Amino acid sequence: MPISGEKLQDRARDTALARPTDGLAVDFVVEADRAELGEIVQRVRDGRLRTNIGDVASLDDAIGALHPTTRRSGKTVIRVRP
């Protein structure tokens, strides 16, 4: 469901108020759309889109996985279900 113009204005105002005076703040919101997510899944299945997963860890091992002692390529995925 798209965000209304009024809600976007509220978020923009809130972000402006929260922005540090001597720094940069970046804020974005992504709302899932069933059709778009289905398209992404199909592209992965067709080989037109590749993931860059470097490690998959259980929720119990999340702290260690997110703070590795060696450099790893790819994103870390935390699996919340066994």
PDB file of N, CA and C in Angstrom:
ATOM      1  N   MET A   1       0.839  -1.172   0.000  1.00  0.00           N
ATOM      2  CA  MET A   1       0.000   0.000   0.000  1.00  0.00           C
ATOM      3  C   MET A   1       0.888   1.239   0.000  1.00  0.00           C
ATOM      4  N   PRO A   2       0.727   2.130  -0.940  1.00  0.00           N
ATOM      5  CA  PRO A   2       1.562   3.329  -1.020  1.00  0.00           C
ATOM      6  C   PRO A   2       1.340   4.243   0.175  1.00  0.00           C
ATOM      7  N   ILE A   3       2.354   5.013   0.485  1.00  0.00           N
ATOM      8  CA  ILE A   3       2.265   5.980   1.574  1.00  0.00           C
ATOM      9  C   ILE A   3       1.606   7.240   1.034  1.00  0.00           C
ATOM     10  N   SER A   4       0.692   7.787   1.801  1.00  0.00           N
ATOM     11  CA  SER A   4      -0.003   9.002   1.364  1.00  0.00           C
ATOM     12  C   SER A   4       0.960  10.186   1.368  1.00  0.00           C
ATOM     13  N   GLY A   5       0.619  11.201   0.592  1.00  0.00           N
ATOM     14  CA  GLY A   5       1.433  12.401   0.526  1.00  0.00           C
ATOM     15  C   GLY A   5       1.595  13.061   1.885  1.00  0.00           C
ATOM     16  N   GLU A   6       0.542  13.019   2.668  1.00  0.00           N
ATOM     17  CA  GLU A   6       0.591  13.629   3.999  1.00  0.00           C
ATOM     18  C   GLU A   6       1.595  12.901   4.891  1.00  0.00           C
ATOM     19  N   LYS A   7       1.602  11.563   4.836  1.00  0.00           N
ATOM     20  CA  LYS A   7       2.554  10.800   5.643  1.00  0.00           C
ATOM     21  C   LYS A   7       3.989  11.066   5.194  1.00  0.00           C
ATOM     22  N   LEU A   8       4.198  11.196   3.880  1.00  0.00           N
ATOM     23  CA  LEU A   8       5.533  11.503   3.377  1.00  0.00           C
ATOM     24  C   LEU A   8       6.003  12.862   3.882  1.00  0.00           C
ATOM     25  N   GLN A   9       5.104  13.833   3.902  1.00  0.00           N
ATOM     26  CA  GLN A   9       5.456  15.155   4.409  1.00  0.00           C
ATOM     27  C   GLN A   9       5.804  15.085   5.891  1.00  0.00           C
ATOM     28  N   ASP A  10       5.027  14.302   6.649  1.00  0.00           N
ATOM     29  CA  ASP A  10       5.310  14.144   8.076  1.00  0.00           C
ATOM     30  C   ASP A  10       6.690  13.523   8.286  1.00  0.00           C
ATOM     31  N   ARG A  11       6.995  12.479   7.492  1.00  0.00           N
ATOM     32  CA  ARG A  11       8.305  11.825   7.618  1.00  0.00           C
ATOM     33  C   ARG A  11       9.425  12.774   7.238  1.00  0.00           C
ATOM     34  N   ALA A  12       9.232  13.553   6.187  1.00  0.00           N
ATOM     35  CA  ALA A  12      10.249  14.504   5.759  1.00  0.00           C
ATOM     36  C   ALA A  12      10.500  15.539   6.853  1.00  0.00           C
ATOM     37  N   ARG A  13       9.428  16.022   7.465  1.00  0.00           N
ATOM     38  CA  ARG A  13       9.562  17.004   8.543  1.00  0.00           C
ATOM     39  C   ARG A  13      10.294  16.389   9.734  1.00  0.00           C
ATOM     40  N   ASP A  14       9.903  15.166  10.117  1.00  0.00           N
ATOM     41  CA  ASP A  14      10.541  14.496  11.250  1.00  0.00           C
ATOM     42  C   ASP A  14      12.021  14.247  10.973  1.00  0.00           C
ATOM     43  N   THR A  15      12.346  13.850   9.737  1.00  0.00           N
ATOM     44  CA  THR A  15      13.743  13.614   9.365  1.00  0.00           C
ATOM     45  C   THR A  15      14.532  14.908   9.425  1.00  0.00           C
ATOM     46  N   ALA A  16      13.949  15.995   8.940  1.00  0.00           N
ATOM     47  CA  ALA A  16      14.634  17.289   8.965  1.00  0.00           C
ATOM     48  C   ALA A  16      14.908  17.714  10.401  1.00  0.00           C
ATOM     49  N   LEU A  17      13.978  17.472  11.299  1.00  0.00           N
ATOM     50  CA  LEU A  17      14.171  17.841  12.693  1.00  0.00           C
ATOM     51  C   LEU A  17      15.234  16.984  13.366  1.00  0.00           C
ATOM     52  N   ALA A  18      15.373  15.740  12.927  1.00  0.00           N
ATOM     53  CA  ALA A  18      16.327  14.817  13.531  1.00  0.00           C
ATOM     54  C   ALA A  18      17.715  14.920  12.915  1.00  0.00           C
ATOM     55  N   ARG A  19      17.859  15.616  11.802  1.00  0.00           N
ATOM     56  CA  ARG A  19      19.141  15.699  11.094  1.00  0.00           C
ATOM     57  C   ARG A  19      20.152  16.489  11.926  1.00  0.00           C
ATOM     58  N   PRO A  20      21.354  15.942  12.079  1.00  0.00           N
ATOM     59  CA  PRO A  20      22.384  16.684  12.803  1.00  0.00           C
ATOM     60  C   PRO A  20      22.802  17.924  12.022  1.00  0.00           C
ATOM     61  N   THR A  21      23.140  18.982  12.728  1.00  0.00           N
ATOM     62  CA  THR A  21      23.502  20.231  12.062  1.00  0.00           C
ATOM     63  C   THR A  21      24.848  20.143  11.359  1.00  0.00           C
ATOM     64  N   ASP A  22      25.727  19.254  11.810  1.00  0.00           N
ATOM     65  CA  ASP A  22      27.059  19.171  11.214  1.00  0.00           C
ATOM     66  C   ASP A  22      27.298  17.823  10.522  1.00  0.00           C
ATOM     67  N   GLY A  23      26.233  17.122  10.171  1.00  0.00           N
ATOM     68  CA  GLY A  23      26.412  15.813   9.558  1.00  0.00           C
ATOM     69  C   GLY A  23      25.368  15.527   8.507  1.00  0.00           C
ATOM     70  N   LEU A  24      25.350  14.312   8.063  1.00  0.00           N
ATOM     71  CA  LEU A  24      24.433  13.880   7.020  1.00  0.00           C
ATOM     72  C   LEU A  24      23.544  12.780   7.577  1.00  0.00           C
ATOM     73  N   ALA A  25      22.275  12.882   7.336  1.00  0.00           N
ATOM     74  CA  ALA A  25      21.338  11.842   7.731  1.00  0.00           C
ATOM     75  C   ALA A  25      20.648  11.334   6.478  1.00  0.00           C
ATOM     76  N   VAL A  26      20.543  10.036   6.357  1.00  0.00           N
ATOM     77  CA  VAL A  26      19.872   9.436   5.214  1.00  0.00           C
ATOM     78  C   VAL A  26      18.738   8.576   5.752  1.00  0.00           C
ATOM     79  N   ASP A  27      17.569   8.761   5.178  1.00  0.00           N
ATOM     80  CA  ASP A  27      16.403   8.015   5.630  1.00  0.00           C
ATOM     81  C   ASP A  27      15.628   7.536   4.418  1.00  0.00           C
ATOM     82  N   PHE A  28      15.278   6.272   4.407  1.00  0.00           N
ATOM     83  CA  PHE A  28      14.423   5.779   3.342  1.00  0.00           C
ATOM     84  C   PHE A  28      13.552   4.654   3.879  1.00  0.00           C
ATOM     85  N   VAL A  29      12.430   4.467   3.254  1.00  0.00           N
ATOM     86  CA  VAL A  29      11.482   3.437   3.661  1.00  0.00           C
ATOM     87  C   VAL A  29      11.144   2.613   2.434  1.00  0.00           C
ATOM     88  N   VAL A  30      11.185   1.298   2.595  1.00  0.00           N
ATOM     89  CA  VAL A  30      10.806   0.409   1.507  1.00  0.00           C
ATOM     90  C   VAL A  30       9.590  -0.382   1.981  1.00  0.00           C
ATOM     91  N   GLU A  31       8.532  -0.297   1.229  1.00  0.00           N
ATOM     92  CA  GLU A  31       7.336  -1.053   1.557  1.00  0.00           C
ATOM     93  C   GLU A  31       7.214  -2.206   0.578  1.00  0.00           C
ATOM     94  N   ALA A  32       7.050  -3.405   1.106  1.00  0.00           N
ATOM     95  CA  ALA A  32       6.974  -4.604   0.266  1.00  0.00           C
ATOM     96  C   ALA A  32       5.709  -4.587  -0.586  1.00  0.00           C
ATOM     97  N   ASP A  33       5.866  -4.991  -1.809  1.00  0.00           N
ATOM     98  CA  ASP A  33       4.761  -5.115  -2.741  1.00  0.00           C
ATOM     99  C   ASP A  33       4.782  -6.554  -3.249  1.00  0.00           C
ATOM    100  N   ARG A  34       3.702  -7.273  -3.080  1.00  0.00           N
ATOM    101  CA  ARG A  34       3.657  -8.703  -3.407  1.00  0.00           C
ATOM    102  C   ARG A  34       4.070  -8.981  -4.850  1.00  0.00           C
ATOM    103  N   ALA A  35       3.585  -8.199  -5.791  1.00  0.00           N
ATOM    104  CA  ALA A  35       3.917  -8.415  -7.197  1.00  0.00           C
ATOM    105  C   ALA A  35       5.404  -8.182  -7.455  1.00  0.00           C
ATOM    106  N   GLU A  36       5.973  -7.131  -6.869  1.00  0.00           N
ATOM    107  CA  GLU A  36       7.390  -6.853  -7.055  1.00  0.00           C
ATOM    108  C   GLU A  36       8.258  -7.929  -6.410  1.00  0.00           C
ATOM    109  N   LEU A  37       7.880  -8.397  -5.227  1.00  0.00           N
ATOM    110  CA  LEU A  37       8.626  -9.467  -4.588  1.00  0.00           C
ATOM    111  C   LEU A  37       8.562 -10.751  -5.412  1.00  0.00           C
ATOM    112  N   GLY A  38       7.398 -11.024  -6.003  1.00  0.00           N
ATOM    113  CA  GLY A  38       7.264 -12.181  -6.887  1.00  0.00           C
ATOM    114  C   GLY A  38       8.165 -12.076  -8.100  1.00  0.00           C
ATOM    115  N   GLU A  39       8.299 -10.870  -8.638  1.00  0.00           N
ATOM    116  CA  GLU A  39       9.185 -10.643  -9.783  1.00  0.00           C
ATOM    117  C   GLU A  39      10.641 -10.880  -9.399  1.00  0.00           C
ATOM    118  N   ILE A  40      11.029 -10.456  -8.219  1.00  0.00           N
ATOM    119  CA  ILE A  40      12.396 -10.679  -7.750  1.00  0.00           C
ATOM    120  C   ILE A  40      12.665 -12.175  -7.615  1.00  0.00           C
ATOM    121  N   VAL A  41      11.737 -12.899  -7.025  1.00  0.00           N
ATOM    122  CA  VAL A  41      11.886 -14.353  -6.882  1.00  0.00           C
ATOM    123  C   VAL A  41      12.040 -15.006  -8.245  1.00  0.00           C
ATOM    124  N   GLN A  42      11.228 -14.611  -9.202  1.00  0.00           N
ATOM    125  CA  GLN A  42      11.300 -15.198 -10.543  1.00  0.00           C
ATOM    126  C   GLN A  42      12.642 -14.895 -11.208  1.00  0.00           C
ATOM    127  N   ARG A  43      13.148 -13.701 -11.024  1.00  0.00           N
ATOM    128  CA  ARG A  43      14.453 -13.348 -11.601  1.00  0.00           C
ATOM    129  C   ARG A  43      15.576 -14.180 -10.993  1.00  0.00           C
ATOM    130  N   VAL A  44      15.503 -14.437  -9.690  1.00  0.00           N
ATOM    131  CA  VAL A  44      16.506 -15.292  -9.049  1.00  0.00           C
ATOM    132  C   VAL A  44      16.412 -16.697  -9.625  1.00  0.00           C
ATOM    133  N   ARG A  45      15.205 -17.226  -9.734  1.00  0.00           N
ATOM    134  CA  ARG A  45      15.011 -18.580 -10.270  1.00  0.00           C
ATOM    135  C   ARG A  45      15.488 -18.690 -11.713  1.00  0.00           C
ATOM    136  N   ASP A  46      15.278 -17.641 -12.511  1.00  0.00           N
ATOM    137  CA  ASP A  46      15.686 -17.648 -13.919  1.00  0.00           C
ATOM    138  C   ASP A  46      17.181 -17.398 -14.099  1.00  0.00           C
ATOM    139  N   GLY A  47      17.867 -17.016 -13.042  1.00  0.00           N
ATOM    140  CA  GLY A  47      19.283 -16.713 -13.136  1.00  0.00           C
ATOM    141  C   GLY A  47      19.576 -15.306 -13.622  1.00  0.00           C
ATOM    142  N   ARG A  48      18.550 -14.470 -13.716  1.00  0.00           N
ATOM    143  CA  ARG A  48      18.741 -13.081 -14.157  1.00  0.00           C
ATOM    144  C   ARG A  48      19.162 -12.180 -13.008  1.00  0.00           C
ATOM    145  N   LEU A  49      19.060 -12.680 -11.782  1.00  0.00           N
ATOM    146  CA  LEU A  49      19.439 -11.911 -10.598  1.00  0.00           C
ATOM    147  C   LEU A  49      20.159 -12.865  -9.658  1.00  0.00           C
ATOM    148  N   ARG A  50      21.337 -12.456  -9.229  1.00  0.00           N
ATOM    149  CA  ARG A  50      22.107 -13.304  -8.327  1.00  0.00           C
ATOM    150  C   ARG A  50      22.204 -12.643  -6.960  1.00  0.00           C
ATOM    151  N   THR A  51      22.206 -13.462  -5.950  1.00  0.00           N
ATOM    152  CA  THR A  51      22.369 -12.955  -4.592  1.00  0.00           C
ATOM    153  C   THR A  51      23.849 -12.965  -4.238  1.00  0.00           C
ATOM    154  N   ASN A  52      24.208 -12.194  -3.259  1.00  0.00           N
ATOM    155  CA  ASN A  52      25.586 -12.139  -2.800  1.00  0.00           C
ATOM    156  C   ASN A  52      25.600 -12.481  -1.312  1.00  0.00           C
ATOM    157  N   ILE A  53      25.331 -13.747  -1.014  1.00  0.00           N
ATOM    158  CA  ILE A  53      25.264 -14.209   0.371  1.00  0.00           C
ATOM    159  C   ILE A  53      26.616 -14.812   0.739  1.00  0.00           C
ATOM    160  N   GLY A  54      27.238 -14.240   1.743  1.00  0.00           N
ATOM    161  CA  GLY A  54      28.540 -14.717   2.183  1.00  0.00           C
ATOM    162  C   GLY A  54      28.454 -15.710   3.316  1.00  0.00           C
ATOM    163  N   ASP A  55      27.452 -15.562   4.184  1.00  0.00           N
ATOM    164  CA  ASP A  55      27.342 -16.423   5.355  1.00  0.00           C
ATOM    165  C   ASP A  55      25.880 -16.493   5.789  1.00  0.00           C
ATOM    166  N   VAL A  56      25.486 -17.652   6.275  1.00  0.00           N
ATOM    167  CA  VAL A  56      24.154 -17.837   6.856  1.00  0.00           C
ATOM    168  C   VAL A  56      24.368 -18.349   8.272  1.00  0.00           C
ATOM    169  N   ALA A  57      23.787 -17.663   9.225  1.00  0.00           N
ATOM    170  CA  ALA A  57      23.976 -18.029  10.628  1.00  0.00           C
ATOM    171  C   ALA A  57      22.625 -18.132  11.319  1.00  0.00           C
ATOM    172  N   SER A  58      22.595 -18.932  12.369  1.00  0.00           N
ATOM    173  CA  SER A  58      21.372 -19.046  13.164  1.00  0.00           C
ATOM    174  C   SER A  58      21.234 -17.801  14.037  1.00  0.00           C
ATOM    175  N   LEU A  59      20.056 -17.603  14.568  1.00  0.00           N
ATOM    176  CA  LEU A  59      19.816 -16.457  15.444  1.00  0.00           C
ATOM    177  C   LEU A  59      20.730 -16.533  16.675  1.00  0.00           C
ATOM    178  N   ASP A  60      20.971 -17.742  17.168  1.00  0.00           N
ATOM    179  CA  ASP A  60      21.859 -17.918  18.325  1.00  0.00           C
ATOM    180  C   ASP A  60      23.290 -17.458  18.031  1.00  0.00           C
ATOM    181  N   ASP A  61      23.721 -17.563  16.774  1.00  0.00           N
ATOM    182  CA  ASP A  61      25.085 -17.198  16.388  1.00  0.00           C
ATOM    183  C   ASP A  61      25.173 -15.826  15.730  1.00  0.00           C
ATOM    184  N   ALA A  62      24.103 -15.040  15.808  1.00  0.00           N
ATOM    185  CA  ALA A  62      24.026 -13.767  15.091  1.00  0.00           C
ATOM    186  C   ALA A  62      25.102 -12.776  15.513  1.00  0.00           C
ATOM    187  N   ILE A  63      25.370 -12.651  16.788  1.00  0.00           N
ATOM    188  CA  ILE A  63      26.347 -11.663  17.249  1.00  0.00           C
ATOM    189  C   ILE A  63      27.717 -11.948  16.644  1.00  0.00           C
ATOM    190  N   GLY A  64      28.147 -13.185  16.707  1.00  0.00           N
ATOM    191  CA  GLY A  64      29.443 -13.548  16.128  1.00  0.00           C
ATOM    192  C   GLY A  64      29.455 -13.387  14.624  1.00  0.00           C
ATOM    193  N   ALA A  65      28.356 -13.733  13.979  1.00  0.00           N
ATOM    194  CA  ALA A  65      28.286 -13.640  12.521  1.00  0.00           C
ATOM    195  C   ALA A  65      28.329 -12.192  12.045  1.00  0.00           C
ATOM    196  N   LEU A  66      27.745 -11.294  12.812  1.00  0.00           N
ATOM    197  CA  LEU A  66      27.710  -9.887  12.425  1.00  0.00           C
ATOM    198  C   LEU A  66      28.955  -9.119  12.846  1.00  0.00           C
ATOM    199  N   HIS A  67      29.816  -9.761  13.629  1.00  0.00           N
ATOM    200  CA  HIS A  67      31.089  -9.150  14.054  1.00  0.00           C
ATOM    201  C   HIS A  67      32.224 -10.127  13.768  1.00  0.00           C
ATOM    202  N   PRO A  68      32.475 -10.425  12.492  1.00  0.00           N
ATOM    203  CA  PRO A  68      33.505 -11.418  12.152  1.00  0.00           C
ATOM    204  C   PRO A  68      34.915 -10.923  12.478  1.00  0.00           C
ATOM    205  N   THR A  69      35.804 -11.868  12.726  1.00  0.00           N
ATOM    206  CA  THR A  69      37.196 -11.517  13.003  1.00  0.00           C
ATOM    207  C   THR A  69      38.018 -11.437  11.719  1.00  0.00           C
ATOM    208  N   THR A  70      37.483 -11.983  10.638  1.00  0.00           N
ATOM    209  CA  THR A  70      38.150 -11.897   9.339  1.00  0.00           C
ATOM    210  C   THR A  70      37.212 -11.255   8.334  1.00  0.00           C
ATOM    211  N   ARG A  71      37.790 -10.712   7.273  1.00  0.00           N
ATOM    212  CA  ARG A  71      36.994 -10.064   6.235  1.00  0.00           C
ATOM    213  C   ARG A  71      36.276 -11.120   5.402  1.00  0.00           C
ATOM    214  N   ARG A  72      34.992 -10.894   5.153  1.00  0.00           N
ATOM    215  CA  ARG A  72      34.186 -11.812   4.352  1.00  0.00           C
ATOM    216  C   ARG A  72      33.532 -11.049   3.217  1.00  0.00           C
ATOM    217  N   SER A  73      33.341 -11.740   2.110  1.00  0.00           N
ATOM    218  CA  SER A  73      32.607 -11.108   1.011  1.00  0.00           C
ATOM    219  C   SER A  73      31.158 -11.558   1.088  1.00  0.00           C
ATOM    220  N   GLY A  74      30.260 -10.735   0.625  1.00  0.00           N
ATOM    221  CA  GLY A  74      28.840 -11.071   0.628  1.00  0.00           C
ATOM    222  C   GLY A  74      28.146 -10.610   1.890  1.00  0.00           C
ATOM    223  N   LYS A  75      26.838 -10.746   1.861  1.00  0.00           N
ATOM    224  CA  LYS A  75      25.993 -10.335   2.985  1.00  0.00           C
ATOM    225  C   LYS A  75      25.801 -11.504   3.954  1.00  0.00           C
ATOM    226  N   THR A  76      25.575 -11.163   5.206  1.00  0.00           N
ATOM    227  CA  THR A  76      25.294 -12.173   6.222  1.00  0.00           C
ATOM    228  C   THR A  76      23.788 -12.256   6.415  1.00  0.00           C
ATOM    229  N   VAL A  77      23.264 -13.476   6.333  1.00  0.00           N
ATOM    230  CA  VAL A  77      21.839 -13.721   6.533  1.00  0.00           C
ATOM    231  C   VAL A  77      21.677 -14.394   7.887  1.00  0.00           C
ATOM    232  N   ILE A  78      20.770 -13.869   8.691  1.00  0.00           N
ATOM    233  CA  ILE A  78      20.466 -14.461   9.995  1.00  0.00           C
ATOM    234  C   ILE A  78      19.181 -15.270   9.836  1.00  0.00           C
ATOM    235  N   ARG A  79      19.296 -16.547  10.058  1.00  0.00           N
ATOM    236  CA  ARG A  79      18.150 -17.458   9.935  1.00  0.00           C
ATOM    237  C   ARG A  79      17.423 -17.475  11.291  1.00  0.00           C
ATOM    238  N   VAL A  80      16.153 -17.085  11.296  1.00  0.00           N
ATOM    239  CA  VAL A  80      15.405 -16.997  12.547  1.00  0.00           C
ATOM    240  C   VAL A  80      14.599 -18.258  12.834  1.00  0.00           C
ATOM    241  N   ARG A  81      14.447 -19.100  11.836  1.00  0.00           N
ATOM    242  CA  ARG A  81      13.780 -20.400  12.045  1.00  0.00           C
ATOM    243  C   ARG A  81      14.784 -21.505  11.794  1.00  0.00           C
ATOM    244  N   PRO A  82      14.691 -22.593  12.561  1.00  0.00           N
ATOM    245  CA  PRO A  82      15.630 -23.716  12.349  1.00  0.00           C
ATOM    246  C   PRO A  82      15.472 -24.374  11.003  1.00  0.00           C
TER     247      PRO A  82
END
